[in-house]
Structures are given as C-alpha cells and as structure tokens.
Amino acid sequence: MKLFEFLGYYNYWVFAILLMIGFYAVIAKANLIKKLIGLSIFQSAVFLMYISMDKVEGGTAPIIKPGVVDQLYSNPLPQVLILTAIVVGVSTLALGLAIVVRIKERYGTIEENEILDAD
C-alpha cells in the first residue's frame, strides 16, 4: 500500500527529473543553444512545481458569497505568478537566442570552448 501512496506524487517526480535534466544541460553542454534549451526545461520544471503545489482539495474560486461561512478557497496567486514567470522566461529565451546569434556572427561558432579559446 505504501508503494502506491509513494507513486501518488508523480508530478513531483516529473518536477525533479525535469529539473535535473535542465540543470545537467546548463552545466554540462558546451553548445549555447543546448544551454538555452536546458534553461527552458529548468524553468518549466519550476512552473510545474508551483502549479502542483497550488491545488487545494475541495477548494473553490475565491469569490465571497453572502451567507456562506467556512468555505475553503484556492489561492489564485500562484497562477498569476506563473503567468508572469512564463512571460519573463520566454523573453529571457528570446534575448538569449539573440545574443547567441550575435556571438555566432562575431566568433563563427556557438561552442563555448571555441569561444573561450578565441578570446
């Protein structure tokens, strides 16, 4: 029975796996595009964690109705924060890609080791 309870948190397992894949790509890869993809995967894992933590069993939208007492509400703030983080993540990725294009024009490569050797 404990095994099934343990597997019930699959969204956190997916979060941890995606986080480690993204972290590995950022740290271990020399290609700048692969690093940006790893950063995007890392950010997506963080988004998944926040969305997973947000769900309240039995919670409703935070709309206060007259005469209703002791109602359990879900907090909408995590969704708002994640929407903002998605916009920031996409703009960061676009800026990173623009910088990689400029690096490719300047050095002729997007491999980190070759860029460091050229400097």
PDB file of N, CA and C in Angstrom:
ATOM      1  N   MET A   1       0.821  -1.196   0.000  1.00  0.00           N
ATOM      2  CA  MET A   1       0.000   0.000   0.000  1.00  0.00           C
ATOM      3  C   MET A   1       0.867   1.264   0.000  1.00  0.00           C
ATOM      4  N   LYS A   2       1.981   1.232   0.727  1.00  0.00           N
ATOM      5  CA  LYS A   2       2.838   2.409   0.797  1.00  0.00           C
ATOM      6  C   LYS A   2       3.464   2.740  -0.559  1.00  0.00           C
ATOM      7  N   LEU A   3       3.695   1.725  -1.383  1.00  0.00           N
ATOM      8  CA  LEU A   3       4.257   1.970  -2.705  1.00  0.00           C
ATOM      9  C   LEU A   3       3.297   2.807  -3.545  1.00  0.00           C
ATOM     10  N   PHE A   4       2.024   2.512  -3.481  1.00  0.00           N
ATOM     11  CA  PHE A   4       1.049   3.264  -4.255  1.00  0.00           C
ATOM     12  C   PHE A   4       0.892   4.688  -3.737  1.00  0.00           C
ATOM     13  N   GLU A   5       1.012   4.877  -2.439  1.00  0.00           N
ATOM     14  CA  GLU A   5       0.986   6.237  -1.883  1.00  0.00           C
ATOM     15  C   GLU A   5       2.212   7.021  -2.351  1.00  0.00           C
ATOM     16  N   PHE A   6       3.331   6.340  -2.410  1.00  0.00           N
ATOM     17  CA  PHE A   6       4.576   6.959  -2.841  1.00  0.00           C
ATOM     18  C   PHE A   6       4.498   7.377  -4.306  1.00  0.00           C
ATOM     19  N   LEU A   7       3.886   6.553  -5.138  1.00  0.00           N
ATOM     20  CA  LEU A   7       3.754   6.867  -6.562  1.00  0.00           C
ATOM     21  C   LEU A   7       2.665   7.896  -6.825  1.00  0.00           C
ATOM     22  N   GLY A   8       1.852   8.220  -5.837  1.00  0.00           N
ATOM     23  CA  GLY A   8       0.796   9.207  -5.992  1.00  0.00           C
ATOM     24  C   GLY A   8       1.324  10.610  -6.203  1.00  0.00           C
ATOM     25  N   TYR A   9       2.565  10.828  -5.907  1.00  0.00           N
ATOM     26  CA  TYR A   9       3.185  12.138  -6.079  1.00  0.00           C
ATOM     27  C   TYR A   9       3.987  12.188  -7.378  1.00  0.00           C
ATOM     28  N   TYR A  10       3.436  11.642  -8.446  1.00  0.00           N
ATOM     29  CA  TYR A  10       4.164  11.557  -9.711  1.00  0.00           C
ATOM     30  C   TYR A  10       4.520  12.935 -10.254  1.00  0.00           C
ATOM     31  N   ASN A  11       3.686  13.940  -9.988  1.00  0.00           N
ATOM     32  CA  ASN A  11       4.003  15.276 -10.502  1.00  0.00           C
ATOM     33  C   ASN A  11       5.288  15.810  -9.880  1.00  0.00           C
ATOM     34  N   TYR A  12       5.575  15.464  -8.639  1.00  0.00           N
ATOM     35  CA  TYR A  12       6.824  15.897  -8.022  1.00  0.00           C
ATOM     36  C   TYR A  12       8.014  15.112  -8.582  1.00  0.00           C
ATOM     37  N   TRP A  13       7.781  13.859  -8.951  1.00  0.00           N
ATOM     38  CA  TRP A  13       8.842  13.081  -9.603  1.00  0.00           C
ATOM     39  C   TRP A  13       9.165  13.676 -10.963  1.00  0.00           C
ATOM     40  N   VAL A  14       8.134  14.046 -11.711  1.00  0.00           N
ATOM     41  CA  VAL A  14       8.360  14.674 -13.016  1.00  0.00           C
ATOM     42  C   VAL A  14       9.099  15.992 -12.835  1.00  0.00           C
ATOM     43  N   PHE A  15       8.710  16.754 -11.808  1.00  0.00           N
ATOM     44  CA  PHE A  15       9.411  18.010 -11.500  1.00  0.00           C
ATOM     45  C   PHE A  15      10.892  17.758 -11.253  1.00  0.00           C
ATOM     46  N   ALA A  16      11.193  16.789 -10.403  1.00  0.00           N
ATOM     47  CA  ALA A  16      12.591  16.526 -10.056  1.00  0.00           C
ATOM     48  C   ALA A  16      13.393  16.055 -11.267  1.00  0.00           C
ATOM     49  N   ILE A  17      12.801  15.208 -12.082  1.00  0.00           N
ATOM     50  CA  ILE A  17      13.505  14.698 -13.266  1.00  0.00           C
ATOM     51  C   ILE A  17      13.749  15.822 -14.268  1.00  0.00           C
ATOM     52  N   LEU A  18      12.722  16.631 -14.542  1.00  0.00           N
ATOM     53  CA  LEU A  18      12.902  17.754 -15.463  1.00  0.00           C
ATOM     54  C   LEU A  18      13.925  18.754 -14.934  1.00  0.00           C
ATOM     55  N   LEU A  19      13.902  18.992 -13.631  1.00  0.00           N
ATOM     56  CA  LEU A  19      14.852  19.915 -13.029  1.00  0.00           C
ATOM     57  C   LEU A  19      16.285  19.435 -13.224  1.00  0.00           C
ATOM     58  N   MET A  20      16.519  18.143 -13.003  1.00  0.00           N
ATOM     59  CA  MET A  20      17.864  17.603 -13.151  1.00  0.00           C
ATOM     60  C   MET A  20      18.302  17.567 -14.612  1.00  0.00           C
ATOM     61  N   ILE A  21      17.379  17.279 -15.534  1.00  0.00           N
ATOM     62  CA  ILE A  21      17.719  17.296 -16.959  1.00  0.00           C
ATOM     63  C   ILE A  21      18.120  18.708 -17.383  1.00  0.00           C
ATOM     64  N   GLY A  22      17.330  19.693 -16.973  1.00  0.00           N
ATOM     65  CA  GLY A  22      17.659  21.080 -17.312  1.00  0.00           C
ATOM     66  C   GLY A  22      18.963  21.532 -16.690  1.00  0.00           C
ATOM     67  N   PHE A  23      19.182  21.175 -15.434  1.00  0.00           N
ATOM     68  CA  PHE A  23      20.418  21.550 -14.752  1.00  0.00           C
ATOM     69  C   PHE A  23      21.630  20.903 -15.428  1.00  0.00           C
ATOM     70  N   TYR A  24      21.489  19.644 -15.797  1.00  0.00           N
ATOM     71  CA  TYR A  24      22.581  18.948 -16.499  1.00  0.00           C
ATOM     72  C   TYR A  24      22.908  19.635 -17.817  1.00  0.00           C
ATOM     73  N   ALA A  25      21.875  20.000 -18.561  1.00  0.00           N
ATOM     74  CA  ALA A  25      22.109  20.637 -19.859  1.00  0.00           C
ATOM     75  C   ALA A  25      22.800  21.986 -19.699  1.00  0.00           C
ATOM     76  N   VAL A  26      22.418  22.743 -18.683  1.00  0.00           N
ATOM     77  CA  VAL A  26      23.038  24.059 -18.474  1.00  0.00           C
ATOM     78  C   VAL A  26      24.499  23.911 -18.057  1.00  0.00           C
ATOM     79  N   ILE A  27      24.788  22.948 -17.220  1.00  0.00           N
ATOM     80  CA  ILE A  27      26.142  22.796 -16.683  1.00  0.00           C
ATOM     81  C   ILE A  27      27.064  22.038 -17.636  1.00  0.00           C
ATOM     82  N   ALA A  28      26.588  20.947 -18.239  1.00  0.00           N
ATOM     83  CA  ALA A  28      27.486  20.033 -18.939  1.00  0.00           C
ATOM     84  C   ALA A  28      27.644  20.306 -20.428  1.00  0.00           C
ATOM     85  N   LYS A  29      26.706  20.941 -21.058  1.00  0.00           N
ATOM     86  CA  LYS A  29      26.772  21.133 -22.509  1.00  0.00           C
ATOM     87  C   LYS A  29      27.603  22.358 -22.860  1.00  0.00           C
ATOM     88  N   ALA A  30      28.341  22.263 -23.965  1.00  0.00           N
ATOM     89  CA  ALA A  30      29.170  23.379 -24.414  1.00  0.00           C
ATOM     90  C   ALA A  30      28.463  24.221 -25.475  1.00  0.00           C
ATOM     91  N   ASN A  31      27.454  23.660 -26.118  1.00  0.00           N
ATOM     92  CA  ASN A  31      26.710  24.372 -27.142  1.00  0.00           C
ATOM     93  C   ASN A  31      25.754  25.362 -26.480  1.00  0.00           C
ATOM     94  N   LEU A  32      25.796  26.610 -26.909  1.00  0.00           N
ATOM     95  CA  LEU A  32      24.987  27.645 -26.261  1.00  0.00           C
ATOM     96  C   LEU A  32      23.491  27.442 -26.477  1.00  0.00           C
ATOM     97  N   ILE A  33      23.091  26.911 -27.625  1.00  0.00           N
ATOM     98  CA  ILE A  33      21.678  26.627 -27.870  1.00  0.00           C
ATOM     99  C   ILE A  33      21.186  25.539 -26.918  1.00  0.00           C
ATOM    100  N   LYS A  34      21.993  24.513 -26.720  1.00  0.00           N
ATOM    101  CA  LYS A  34      21.622  23.439 -25.793  1.00  0.00           C
ATOM    102  C   LYS A  34      21.527  23.965 -24.365  1.00  0.00           C
ATOM    103  N   LYS A  35      22.390  24.899 -24.016  1.00  0.00           N
ATOM    104  CA  LYS A  35      22.301  25.523 -22.692  1.00  0.00           C
ATOM    105  C   LYS A  35      20.986  26.291 -22.529  1.00  0.00           C
ATOM    106  N   LEU A  36      20.572  27.002 -23.572  1.00  0.00           N
ATOM    107  CA  LEU A  36      19.306  27.735 -23.504  1.00  0.00           C
ATOM    108  C   LEU A  36      18.112  26.787 -23.424  1.00  0.00           C
ATOM    109  N   ILE A  37      18.168  25.679 -24.141  1.00  0.00           N
ATOM    110  CA  ILE A  37      17.102  24.681 -24.045  1.00  0.00           C
ATOM    111  C   ILE A  37      17.062  24.096 -22.643  1.00  0.00           C
ATOM    112  N   GLY A  38      18.221  23.820 -22.064  1.00  0.00           N
ATOM    113  CA  GLY A  38      18.286  23.321 -20.689  1.00  0.00           C
ATOM    114  C   GLY A  38      17.711  24.315 -19.698  1.00  0.00           C
ATOM    115  N   LEU A  39      17.997  25.591 -19.901  1.00  0.00           N
ATOM    116  CA  LEU A  39      17.439  26.629 -19.039  1.00  0.00           C
ATOM    117  C   LEU A  39      15.920  26.674 -19.148  1.00  0.00           C
ATOM    118  N   SER A  40      15.407  26.500 -20.350  1.00  0.00           N
ATOM    119  CA  SER A  40      13.967  26.486 -20.566  1.00  0.00           C
ATOM    120  C   SER A  40      13.318  25.275 -19.891  1.00  0.00           C
ATOM    121  N   ILE A  41      13.954  24.118 -19.972  1.00  0.00           N
ATOM    122  CA  ILE A  41      13.440  22.919 -19.297  1.00  0.00           C
ATOM    123  C   ILE A  41      13.464  23.128 -17.787  1.00  0.00           C
ATOM    124  N   PHE A  42      14.532  23.713 -17.279  1.00  0.00           N
ATOM    125  CA  PHE A  42      14.648  24.007 -15.850  1.00  0.00           C
ATOM    126  C   PHE A  42      13.508  24.914 -15.393  1.00  0.00           C
ATOM    127  N   GLN A  43      13.229  25.964 -16.163  1.00  0.00           N
ATOM    128  CA  GLN A  43      12.141  26.879 -15.824  1.00  0.00           C
ATOM    129  C   GLN A  43      10.793  26.177 -15.868  1.00  0.00           C
ATOM    130  N   SER A  44      10.592  25.319 -16.848  1.00  0.00           N
ATOM    131  CA  SER A  44       9.334  24.583 -16.951  1.00  0.00           C
ATOM    132  C   SER A  44       9.125  23.673 -15.747  1.00  0.00           C
ATOM    133  N   ALA A  45      10.196  23.093 -15.249  1.00  0.00           N
ATOM    134  CA  ALA A  45      10.094  22.251 -14.060  1.00  0.00           C
ATOM    135  C   ALA A  45       9.659  23.068 -12.846  1.00  0.00           C
ATOM    136  N   VAL A  46      10.194  24.255 -12.709  1.00  0.00           N
ATOM    137  CA  VAL A  46       9.798  25.119 -11.592  1.00  0.00           C
ATOM    138  C   VAL A  46       8.323  25.520 -11.723  1.00  0.00           C
ATOM    139  N   PHE A  47       7.885  25.800 -12.949  1.00  0.00           N
ATOM    140  CA  PHE A  47       6.472  26.119 -13.166  1.00  0.00           C
ATOM    141  C   PHE A  47       5.596  24.947 -12.747  1.00  0.00           C
ATOM    142  N   LEU A  48       5.981  23.736 -13.121  1.00  0.00           N
ATOM    143  CA  LEU A  48       5.224  22.542 -12.759  1.00  0.00           C
ATOM    144  C   LEU A  48       5.145  22.378 -11.248  1.00  0.00           C
ATOM    145  N   MET A  49       6.240  22.661 -10.551  1.00  0.00           N
ATOM    146  CA  MET A  49       6.228  22.534  -9.094  1.00  0.00           C
ATOM    147  C   MET A  49       5.228  23.505  -8.469  1.00  0.00           C
ATOM    148  N   TYR A  50       5.251  24.768  -8.899  1.00  0.00           N
ATOM    149  CA  TYR A  50       4.332  25.749  -8.340  1.00  0.00           C
ATOM    150  C   TYR A  50       2.883  25.404  -8.646  1.00  0.00           C
ATOM    151  N   ILE A  51       2.608  24.954  -9.848  1.00  0.00           N
ATOM    152  CA  ILE A  51       1.240  24.598 -10.209  1.00  0.00           C
ATOM    153  C   ILE A  51       0.789  23.373  -9.426  1.00  0.00           C
ATOM    154  N   SER A  52       1.687  22.416  -9.193  1.00  0.00           N
ATOM    155  CA  SER A  52       1.341  21.219  -8.428  1.00  0.00           C
ATOM    156  C   SER A  52       1.029  21.547  -6.977  1.00  0.00           C
ATOM    157  N   MET A  53       1.749  22.490  -6.417  1.00  0.00           N
ATOM    158  CA  MET A  53       1.523  22.849  -5.014  1.00  0.00           C
ATOM    159  C   MET A  53       0.247  23.658  -4.822  1.00  0.00           C
ATOM    160  N   ASP A  54      -0.274  24.235  -5.886  1.00  0.00           N
ATOM    161  CA  ASP A  54      -1.392  25.154  -5.775  1.00  0.00           C
ATOM    162  C   ASP A  54      -2.721  24.465  -5.520  1.00  0.00           C
ATOM    163  N   LYS A  55      -2.907  23.250  -5.984  1.00  0.00           N
ATOM    164  CA  LYS A  55      -4.211  22.599  -5.909  1.00  0.00           C
ATOM    165  C   LYS A  55      -4.620  22.349  -4.465  1.00  0.00           C
ATOM    166  N   VAL A  56      -5.830  22.819  -4.123  1.00  0.00           N
ATOM    167  CA  VAL A  56      -6.399  22.602  -2.798  1.00  0.00           C
ATOM    168  C   VAL A  56      -7.614  21.700  -2.975  1.00  0.00           C
ATOM    169  N   GLU A  57      -7.603  20.543  -2.336  1.00  0.00           N
ATOM    170  CA  GLU A  57      -8.731  19.623  -2.436  1.00  0.00           C
ATOM    171  C   GLU A  57      -9.974  20.247  -1.814  1.00  0.00           C
ATOM    172  N   GLY A  58     -11.016  20.324  -2.604  1.00  0.00           N
ATOM    173  CA  GLY A  58     -12.270  20.889  -2.109  1.00  0.00           C
ATOM    174  C   GLY A  58     -12.327  22.401  -2.150  1.00  0.00           C
ATOM    175  N   GLY A  59     -11.278  23.038  -2.631  1.00  0.00           N
ATOM    176  CA  GLY A  59     -11.237  24.493  -2.685  1.00  0.00           C
ATOM    177  C   GLY A  59     -11.985  25.028  -3.893  1.00  0.00           C
ATOM    178  N   THR A  60     -12.564  26.197  -3.740  1.00  0.00           N
ATOM    179  CA  THR A  60     -13.276  26.840  -4.840  1.00  0.00           C
ATOM    180  C   THR A  60     -12.603  28.168  -5.166  1.00  0.00           C
ATOM    181  N   ALA A  61     -13.115  28.823  -6.182  1.00  0.00           N
ATOM    182  CA  ALA A  61     -12.595  30.138  -6.553  1.00  0.00           C
ATOM    183  C   ALA A  61     -12.860  31.119  -5.412  1.00  0.00           C
ATOM    184  N   PRO A  62     -11.947  32.045  -5.162  1.00  0.00           N
ATOM    185  CA  PRO A  62     -12.116  32.966  -4.024  1.00  0.00           C
ATOM    186  C   PRO A  62     -13.141  34.069  -4.301  1.00  0.00           C
ATOM    187  N   ILE A  63     -14.375  33.660  -4.462  1.00  0.00           N
ATOM    188  CA  ILE A  63     -15.478  34.603  -4.643  1.00  0.00           C
ATOM    189  C   ILE A  63     -16.347  34.511  -3.394  1.00  0.00           C
ATOM    190  N   ILE A  64     -16.380  35.576  -2.649  1.00  0.00           N
ATOM    191  CA  ILE A  64     -17.114  35.577  -1.376  1.00  0.00           C
ATOM    192  C   ILE A  64     -18.598  35.795  -1.659  1.00  0.00           C
ATOM    193  N   LYS A  65     -19.419  34.869  -1.147  1.00  0.00           N
ATOM    194  CA  LYS A  65     -20.864  34.950  -1.325  1.00  0.00           C
ATOM    195  C   LYS A  65     -21.507  35.265   0.022  1.00  0.00           C
ATOM    196  N   PRO A  66     -22.539  36.079   0.019  1.00  0.00           N
ATOM    197  CA  PRO A  66     -23.200  36.385   1.291  1.00  0.00           C
ATOM    198  C   PRO A  66     -23.858  35.139   1.881  1.00  0.00           C
ATOM    199  N   GLY A  67     -23.692  34.966   3.158  1.00  0.00           N
ATOM    200  CA  GLY A  67     -24.308  33.855   3.867  1.00  0.00           C
ATOM    201  C   GLY A  67     -23.472  32.584   3.882  1.00  0.00           C
ATOM    202  N   VAL A  68     -22.388  32.518   3.152  1.00  0.00           N
ATOM    203  CA  VAL A  68     -21.545  31.327   3.126  1.00  0.00           C
ATOM    204  C   VAL A  68     -20.408  31.533   4.117  1.00  0.00           C
ATOM    205  N   VAL A  69     -20.299  30.606   5.062  1.00  0.00           N
ATOM    206  CA  VAL A  69     -19.277  30.692   6.105  1.00  0.00           C
ATOM    207  C   VAL A  69     -18.436  29.421   6.055  1.00  0.00           C
ATOM    208  N   ASP A  70     -17.194  29.533   6.405  1.00  0.00           N
ATOM    209  CA  ASP A  70     -16.264  28.396   6.467  1.00  0.00           C
ATOM    210  C   ASP A  70     -16.091  27.699   5.119  1.00  0.00           C
ATOM    211  N   GLN A  71     -15.949  28.472   4.083  1.00  0.00           N
ATOM    212  CA  GLN A  71     -15.705  27.932   2.749  1.00  0.00           C
ATOM    213  C   GLN A  71     -14.198  27.837   2.521  1.00  0.00           C
ATOM    214  N   LEU A  72     -13.755  26.768   1.905  1.00  0.00           N
ATOM    215  CA  LEU A  72     -12.343  26.564   1.601  1.00  0.00           C
ATOM    216  C   LEU A  72     -12.057  27.143   0.213  1.00  0.00           C
ATOM    217  N   TYR A  73     -11.109  28.069   0.141  1.00  0.00           N
ATOM    218  CA  TYR A  73     -10.794  28.742  -1.118  1.00  0.00           C
ATOM    219  C   TYR A  73      -9.408  28.344  -1.612  1.00  0.00           C
ATOM    220  N   SER A  74      -9.258  28.334  -2.929  1.00  0.00           N
ATOM    221  CA  SER A  74      -7.945  28.141  -3.543  1.00  0.00           C
ATOM    222  C   SER A  74      -7.310  29.514  -3.756  1.00  0.00           C
ATOM    223  N   ASN A  75      -6.019  29.581  -3.571  1.00  0.00           N
ATOM    224  CA  ASN A  75      -5.304  30.837  -3.734  1.00  0.00           C
ATOM    225  C   ASN A  75      -4.951  31.041  -5.208  1.00  0.00           C
ATOM    226  N   PRO A  76      -5.396  32.130  -5.849  1.00  0.00           N
ATOM    227  CA  PRO A  76      -5.075  32.343  -7.264  1.00  0.00           C
ATOM    228  C   PRO A  76      -3.690  32.947  -7.498  1.00  0.00           C
ATOM    229  N   LEU A  77      -3.003  33.337  -6.442  1.00  0.00           N
ATOM    230  CA  LEU A  77      -1.711  34.000  -6.602  1.00  0.00           C
ATOM    231  C   LEU A  77      -0.662  33.149  -7.328  1.00  0.00           C
ATOM    232  N   PRO A  78      -0.540  31.833  -7.050  1.00  0.00           N
ATOM    233  CA  PRO A  78       0.464  31.055  -7.789  1.00  0.00           C
ATOM    234  C   PRO A  78       0.244  31.047  -9.303  1.00  0.00           C
ATOM    235  N   GLN A  79      -1.022  30.998  -9.751  1.00  0.00           N
ATOM    236  CA  GLN A  79      -1.262  31.038 -11.193  1.00  0.00           C
ATOM    237  C   GLN A  79      -0.816  32.368 -11.782  1.00  0.00           C
ATOM    238  N   VAL A  80      -1.074  33.445 -11.071  1.00  0.00           N
ATOM    239  CA  VAL A  80      -0.668  34.768 -11.550  1.00  0.00           C
ATOM    240  C   VAL A  80       0.857  34.863 -11.614  1.00  0.00           C
ATOM    241  N   LEU A  81       1.517  34.352 -10.601  1.00  0.00           N
ATOM    242  CA  LEU A  81       2.983  34.374 -10.592  1.00  0.00           C
ATOM    243  C   LEU A  81       3.565  33.524 -11.723  1.00  0.00           C
ATOM    244  N   ILE A  82       2.948  32.375 -11.985  1.00  0.00           N
ATOM    245  CA  ILE A  82       3.445  31.512 -13.048  1.00  0.00           C
ATOM    246  C   ILE A  82       3.221  32.150 -14.414  1.00  0.00           C
ATOM    247  N   LEU A  83       2.081  32.809 -14.616  1.00  0.00           N
ATOM    248  CA  LEU A  83       1.862  33.507 -15.882  1.00  0.00           C
ATOM    249  C   LEU A  83       2.922  34.579 -16.103  1.00  0.00           C
ATOM    250  N   THR A  84       3.230  35.308 -15.053  1.00  0.00           N
ATOM    251  CA  THR A  84       4.279  36.321 -15.152  1.00  0.00           C
ATOM    252  C   THR A  84       5.634  35.671 -15.419  1.00  0.00           C
ATOM    253  N   ALA A  85       5.911  34.570 -14.743  1.00  0.00           N
ATOM    254  CA  ALA A  85       7.187  33.880 -14.927  1.00  0.00           C
ATOM    255  C   ALA A  85       7.310  33.303 -16.337  1.00  0.00           C
ATOM    256  N   ILE A  86       6.207  32.849 -16.915  1.00  0.00           N
ATOM    257  CA  ILE A  86       6.248  32.334 -18.285  1.00  0.00           C
ATOM    258  C   ILE A  86       6.619  33.446 -19.256  1.00  0.00           C
ATOM    259  N   VAL A  87       6.021  34.613 -19.068  1.00  0.00           N
ATOM    260  CA  VAL A  87       6.338  35.750 -19.939  1.00  0.00           C
ATOM    261  C   VAL A  87       7.811  36.133 -19.789  1.00  0.00           C
ATOM    262  N   VAL A  88       8.295  36.190 -18.569  1.00  0.00           N
ATOM    263  CA  VAL A  88       9.706  36.517 -18.336  1.00  0.00           C
ATOM    264  C   VAL A  88      10.606  35.433 -18.917  1.00  0.00           C
ATOM    265  N   GLY A  89      10.220  34.163 -18.781  1.00  0.00           N
ATOM    266  CA  GLY A  89      11.018  33.069 -19.323  1.00  0.00           C
ATOM    267  C   GLY A  89      11.112  33.102 -20.831  1.00  0.00           C
ATOM    268  N   VAL A  90       9.998  33.388 -21.493  1.00  0.00           N
ATOM    269  CA  VAL A  90      10.008  33.467 -22.958  1.00  0.00           C
ATOM    270  C   VAL A  90      10.859  34.643 -23.422  1.00  0.00           C
ATOM    271  N   SER A  91      10.737  35.775 -22.749  1.00  0.00           N
ATOM    272  CA  SER A  91      11.536  36.934 -23.150  1.00  0.00           C
ATOM    273  C   SER A  91      13.024  36.706 -22.869  1.00  0.00           C
ATOM    274  N   THR A  92      13.343  36.031 -21.789  1.00  0.00           N
ATOM    275  CA  THR A  92      14.738  35.694 -21.493  1.00  0.00           C
ATOM    276  C   THR A  92      15.300  34.748 -22.552  1.00  0.00           C
ATOM    277  N   LEU A  93      14.501  33.767 -22.962  1.00  0.00           N
ATOM    278  CA  LEU A  93      14.936  32.848 -24.004  1.00  0.00           C
ATOM    279  C   LEU A  93      15.147  33.586 -25.326  1.00  0.00           C
ATOM    280  N   ALA A  94      14.242  34.503 -25.663  1.00  0.00           N
ATOM    281  CA  ALA A  94      14.394  35.274 -26.907  1.00  0.00           C
ATOM    282  C   ALA A  94      15.653  36.135 -26.866  1.00  0.00           C
ATOM    283  N   LEU A  95      15.911  36.775 -25.732  1.00  0.00           N
ATOM    284  CA  LEU A  95      17.121  37.569 -25.595  1.00  0.00           C
ATOM    285  C   LEU A  95      18.365  36.692 -25.688  1.00  0.00           C
ATOM    286  N   GLY A  96      18.328  35.540 -25.049  1.00  0.00           N
ATOM    287  CA  GLY A  96      19.454  34.613 -25.122  1.00  0.00           C
ATOM    288  C   GLY A  96      19.725  34.148 -26.540  1.00  0.00           C
ATOM    289  N   LEU A  97      18.670  33.862 -27.287  1.00  0.00           N
ATOM    290  CA  LEU A  97      18.847  33.458 -28.685  1.00  0.00           C
ATOM    291  C   LEU A  97      19.413  34.594 -29.528  1.00  0.00           C
ATOM    292  N   ALA A  98      18.978  35.822 -29.261  1.00  0.00           N
ATOM    293  CA  ALA A  98      19.523  36.969 -29.984  1.00  0.00           C
ATOM    294  C   ALA A  98      21.008  37.143 -29.680  1.00  0.00           C
ATOM    295  N   ILE A  99      21.386  36.943 -28.436  1.00  0.00           N
ATOM    296  CA  ILE A  99      22.801  37.046 -28.067  1.00  0.00           C
ATOM    297  C   ILE A  99      23.615  35.933 -28.728  1.00  0.00           C
ATOM    298  N   VAL A 100      23.046  34.725 -28.813  1.00  0.00           N
ATOM    299  CA  VAL A 100      23.743  33.619 -29.473  1.00  0.00           C
ATOM    300  C   VAL A 100      23.945  33.930 -30.956  1.00  0.00           C
ATOM    301  N   VAL A 101      22.970  34.555 -31.590  1.00  0.00           N
ATOM    302  CA  VAL A 101      23.127  34.951 -32.996  1.00  0.00           C
ATOM    303  C   VAL A 101      24.283  35.925 -33.139  1.00  0.00           C
ATOM    304  N   ARG A 102      24.365  36.910 -32.242  1.00  0.00           N
ATOM    305  CA  ARG A 102      25.468  37.879 -32.294  1.00  0.00           C
ATOM    306  C   ARG A 102      26.818  37.197 -32.032  1.00  0.00           C
ATOM    307  N   ILE A 103      26.847  36.249 -31.117  1.00  0.00           N
ATOM    308  CA  ILE A 103      28.082  35.512 -30.840  1.00  0.00           C
ATOM    309  C   ILE A 103      28.496  34.708 -32.071  1.00  0.00           C
ATOM    310  N   LYS A 104      27.532  34.092 -32.731  1.00  0.00           N
ATOM    311  CA  LYS A 104      27.826  33.327 -33.956  1.00  0.00           C
ATOM    312  C   LYS A 104      28.386  34.237 -35.046  1.00  0.00           C
ATOM    313  N   GLU A 105      27.834  35.455 -35.171  1.00  0.00           N
ATOM    314  CA  GLU A 105      28.360  36.401 -36.156  1.00  0.00           C
ATOM    315  C   GLU A 105      29.777  36.836 -35.817  1.00  0.00           C
ATOM    316  N   ARG A 106      30.058  37.021 -34.542  1.00  0.00           N
ATOM    317  CA  ARG A 106      31.359  37.544 -34.112  1.00  0.00           C
ATOM    318  C   ARG A 106      32.450  36.471 -34.132  1.00  0.00           C
ATOM    319  N   TYR A 107      32.130  35.274 -33.571  1.00  0.00           N
ATOM    320  CA  TYR A 107      33.152  34.239 -33.413  1.00  0.00           C
ATOM    321  C   TYR A 107      33.046  33.119 -34.440  1.00  0.00           C
ATOM    322  N   GLY A 108      31.935  33.013 -35.140  1.00  0.00           N
ATOM    323  CA  GLY A 108      31.762  31.957 -36.121  1.00  0.00           C
ATOM    324  C   GLY A 108      31.392  30.610 -35.538  1.00  0.00           C
ATOM    325  N   THR A 109      31.118  30.544 -34.251  1.00  0.00           N
ATOM    326  CA  THR A 109      30.750  29.297 -33.590  1.00  0.00           C
ATOM    327  C   THR A 109      29.849  29.596 -32.392  1.00  0.00           C
ATOM    328  N   ILE A 110      29.139  28.557 -31.948  1.00  0.00           N
ATOM    329  CA  ILE A 110      28.335  28.695 -30.725  1.00  0.00           C
ATOM    330  C   ILE A 110      28.781  27.683 -29.665  1.00  0.00           C
ATOM    331  N   GLU A 111      29.955  27.112 -29.861  1.00  0.00           N
ATOM    332  CA  GLU A 111      30.532  26.205 -28.872  1.00  0.00           C
ATOM    333  C   GLU A 111      31.323  27.018 -27.850  1.00  0.00           C
ATOM    334  N   GLU A 112      31.013  26.833 -26.585  1.00  0.00           N
ATOM    335  CA  GLU A 112      31.614  27.643 -25.524  1.00  0.00           C
ATOM    336  C   GLU A 112      33.135  27.499 -25.473  1.00  0.00           C
ATOM    337  N   ASN A 113      33.621  26.294 -25.655  1.00  0.00           N
ATOM    338  CA  ASN A 113      35.076  26.066 -25.585  1.00  0.00           C
ATOM    339  C   ASN A 113      35.814  26.820 -26.685  1.00  0.00           C
ATOM    340  N   GLU A 114      35.263  26.808 -27.899  1.00  0.00           N
ATOM    341  CA  GLU A 114      35.907  27.514 -29.011  1.00  0.00           C
ATOM    342  C   GLU A 114      35.862  29.020 -28.814  1.00  0.00           C
ATOM    343  N   ILE A 115      34.794  29.533 -28.219  1.00  0.00           N
ATOM    344  CA  ILE A 115      34.671  30.967 -27.953  1.00  0.00           C
ATOM    345  C   ILE A 115      35.698  31.388 -26.918  1.00  0.00           C
ATOM    346  N   LEU A 116      35.860  30.590 -25.859  1.00  0.00           N
ATOM    347  CA  LEU A 116      36.846  30.913 -24.827  1.00  0.00           C
ATOM    348  C   LEU A 116      38.263  30.849 -25.372  1.00  0.00           C
ATOM    349  N   ASP A 117      38.517  29.910 -26.265  1.00  0.00           N
ATOM    350  CA  ASP A 117      39.857  29.828 -26.880  1.00  0.00           C
ATOM    351  C   ASP A 117      40.132  31.018 -27.774  1.00  0.00           C
ATOM    352  N   ALA A 118      39.103  31.518 -28.446  1.00  0.00           N
ATOM    353  CA  ALA A 118      39.284  32.662 -29.349  1.00  0.00           C
ATOM    354  C   ALA A 118      39.584  33.942 -28.568  1.00  0.00           C
ATOM    355  N   ASP A 119      39.096  34.037 -27.365  1.00  0.00           N
ATOM    356  CA  ASP A 119      39.373  35.232 -26.546  1.00  0.00           C
ATOM    357  C   ASP A 119      40.710  35.055 -25.897  1.00  0.00           C
TER     358      ASP A 119
END
